[in-house]
């Protein structure tokens, strides 16, 4: 008797990738300290801009991910997420150039092989306090391990 592993379609993969990026978008928008809002009756109107770089998996990556970004932006008024899709061969250099120019992306979807280089550039944040076990249970263990150094989960 042979068991067949379930396949993951490209569309499902992109949906999972995009949906799993939303907690990172929200985490990137969390201020280190509570902002001084002055009068408690005033409504907060400040919008936080978040820039997300994704690697290009196929010809639909830009359109599919932009659709998710647009839905996210429409669903709330506190965060405005923008998308930049770059090719895998150029992705690391694009991110390193932006880091060296003082404008790293807030969030990126890239290779875990780049983790140590970005960590040594002090461009990563520990995610342990931002992501609960229930959220992490939605990720593949290999993906979590790829972004973990000495027991600490990192992200940009």
Protein backbone atom coordinates (compact mmCIF):
# COMPACT_ATOMS: atom_id res chain seq x y z
CA UNK A 1 0.00 0.00 0.00
CA UNK A 2 1.46 3.34 -0.97
CA UNK A 3 0.54 6.60 0.62
CA UNK A 4 0.38 9.64 -1.57
CA UNK A 5 1.41 12.97 -0.07
CA UNK A 6 -1.06 15.75 -0.68
CA UNK A 7 0.11 18.28 -3.24
CA UNK A 8 0.20 21.99 -2.67
CA UNK A 9 -0.98 24.09 -5.59
CA UNK A 10 0.80 27.29 -6.54
CA UNK A 11 -2.27 29.35 -5.67
CA UNK A 12 -2.62 27.70 -2.24
CA UNK A 13 1.09 28.23 -1.60
CA UNK A 14 0.81 31.93 -2.51
CA UNK A 15 -2.28 32.33 -0.34
CA UNK A 16 -0.52 30.72 2.63
CA UNK A 17 2.59 32.83 2.06
CA UNK A 18 0.61 36.05 1.80
CA UNK A 19 -1.65 35.23 4.74
CA UNK A 20 1.30 34.28 6.90
CA UNK A 21 2.90 37.64 6.12
CA UNK A 22 0.04 39.58 7.73
CA UNK A 23 1.20 38.89 11.32
CA UNK A 24 4.63 40.17 10.31
CA UNK A 25 3.03 43.29 8.88
CA UNK A 26 1.20 43.84 12.13
CA UNK A 27 4.26 43.08 14.23
CA UNK A 28 6.31 45.56 12.24
CA UNK A 29 3.78 48.24 13.07
CA UNK A 30 3.87 47.74 16.82
CA UNK A 31 5.60 50.71 18.48
CA UNK A 32 8.31 49.98 21.03
CA UNK A 33 6.51 52.25 23.48
CA UNK A 34 2.97 53.47 23.56
CA UNK A 35 2.65 56.73 21.62
CA UNK A 36 1.63 59.85 23.50
CA UNK A 37 -1.81 60.58 22.13
CA UNK A 38 -2.34 63.72 24.18
CA UNK A 39 -6.05 64.05 24.86
CA UNK A 40 -7.59 60.62 25.40
CA UNK A 41 -10.61 61.74 23.39
CA UNK A 42 -8.64 62.42 20.22
CA UNK A 43 -8.85 59.78 17.52
CA UNK A 44 -5.54 58.42 16.30
CA UNK A 45 -5.22 59.06 12.57
CA UNK A 46 -1.57 58.20 12.00
CA UNK A 47 -1.02 55.55 9.34
CA UNK A 48 2.11 53.40 9.45
CA UNK A 49 3.68 52.59 6.10
CA UNK A 50 5.14 49.10 5.80
CA UNK A 51 7.17 47.94 2.82
CA UNK A 52 7.13 44.23 1.94
CA UNK A 53 9.59 42.64 -0.49
CA UNK A 54 8.71 39.24 -1.91
CA UNK A 55 10.71 36.99 -4.17
CA UNK A 56 9.09 36.20 -7.52
CA UNK A 57 7.90 32.58 -7.60
CA UNK A 58 6.09 32.81 -10.93
CA UNK A 59 4.33 35.14 -13.35
CA UNK A 60 1.31 35.54 -11.01
CA UNK A 61 3.28 36.48 -7.88
CA UNK A 62 2.94 40.26 -8.33
CA UNK A 63 -0.79 40.18 -9.11
CA UNK A 64 -1.72 37.57 -6.50
CA UNK A 65 0.28 39.17 -3.70
CA UNK A 66 -0.92 42.68 -4.62
CA UNK A 67 -4.49 41.41 -4.32
CA UNK A 68 -3.76 40.24 -0.77
CA UNK A 69 -2.05 43.56 0.06
CA UNK A 70 -5.00 45.54 -1.27
CA UNK A 71 -7.41 43.46 0.81
CA UNK A 72 -5.22 43.96 3.90
CA UNK A 73 -5.03 47.73 3.34
CA UNK A 74 -8.80 47.92 2.82
CA UNK A 75 -9.51 45.90 5.96
CA UNK A 76 -8.09 48.51 8.35
CA UNK A 77 -6.79 52.08 8.45
CA UNK A 78 -3.72 51.85 10.66
CA UNK A 79 -1.24 50.25 8.25
CA UNK A 80 -0.54 50.90 4.59
CA UNK A 81 1.41 48.00 3.12
CA UNK A 82 3.25 48.37 -0.16
CA UNK A 83 4.64 45.52 -2.22
CA UNK A 84 7.84 45.12 -4.17
CA UNK A 85 8.35 41.81 -5.99
CA UNK A 86 11.90 41.05 -7.12
CA UNK A 87 13.44 38.07 -8.87
CA UNK A 88 15.22 35.41 -6.85
CA UNK A 89 18.56 36.00 -8.62
CA UNK A 90 18.43 39.71 -7.71
CA UNK A 91 16.58 39.50 -4.39
CA UNK A 92 19.48 39.26 -1.99
CA UNK A 93 21.39 42.08 -3.70
CA UNK A 94 18.29 44.30 -3.72
CA UNK A 95 17.82 43.80 0.02
CA UNK A 96 21.54 44.27 0.81
CA UNK A 97 21.60 47.47 -1.27
CA UNK A 98 18.57 48.79 0.58
CA UNK A 99 20.13 47.88 3.94
CA UNK A 100 23.40 49.62 3.07
CA UNK A 101 21.40 52.65 1.90
CA UNK A 102 19.64 52.84 5.27
CA UNK A 103 16.26 51.81 3.86
CA UNK A 104 15.78 48.09 4.53
CA UNK A 105 12.36 46.62 3.87
CA UNK A 106 10.11 46.27 6.89
CA UNK A 107 9.31 42.70 5.88
CA UNK A 108 10.70 40.37 3.27
CA UNK A 109 10.05 36.87 2.03
CA UNK A 110 13.38 35.39 1.10
CA UNK A 111 15.81 32.60 1.77
CA UNK A 112 16.74 31.39 5.24
CA UNK A 113 20.26 31.05 3.85
CA UNK A 114 20.56 34.83 4.09
CA UNK A 115 19.64 34.92 7.78
CA UNK A 116 23.12 35.08 9.31
CA UNK A 117 24.21 37.85 6.95
CA UNK A 118 21.18 39.98 7.79
CA UNK A 119 21.60 39.20 11.49
CA UNK A 120 25.24 40.33 11.40
CA UNK A 121 24.06 43.57 9.75
CA UNK A 122 21.73 44.00 12.78
CA UNK A 123 18.66 44.18 10.53
CA UNK A 124 16.61 41.40 12.11
CA UNK A 125 14.27 41.39 15.08
CA UNK A 126 13.53 38.54 17.45
CA UNK A 127 9.95 37.42 16.87
CA UNK A 128 9.44 35.28 19.99
CA UNK A 129 7.40 37.89 21.86
CA UNK A 130 5.38 38.83 18.79
CA UNK A 131 4.19 35.42 17.65
CA UNK A 132 2.38 32.97 19.89
CA UNK A 133 2.60 29.20 19.66
CA UNK A 134 -0.89 29.04 18.12
CA UNK A 135 0.23 31.25 15.23
CA UNK A 136 3.54 29.42 14.78
CA UNK A 137 1.64 26.13 14.55
CA UNK A 138 0.42 27.30 11.11
CA UNK A 139 3.96 27.33 9.68
CA UNK A 140 6.05 24.44 8.42
CA UNK A 141 8.63 23.50 11.03
CA UNK A 142 11.39 23.61 8.40
CA UNK A 143 10.49 27.24 7.64
CA UNK A 144 10.65 28.17 11.31
CA UNK A 145 13.98 26.40 11.72
CA UNK A 146 15.39 28.17 8.65
CA UNK A 147 14.79 31.50 10.38
CA UNK A 148 16.05 30.44 13.84
CA UNK A 149 19.54 31.10 15.21
CA UNK A 150 20.61 29.69 18.58
CA UNK A 151 16.98 29.07 19.54
CA UNK A 152 15.71 32.54 18.57
CA UNK A 153 13.25 33.04 15.70
CA UNK A 154 14.14 36.10 13.62
CA UNK A 155 12.45 38.17 10.96
CA UNK A 156 12.78 41.49 9.16
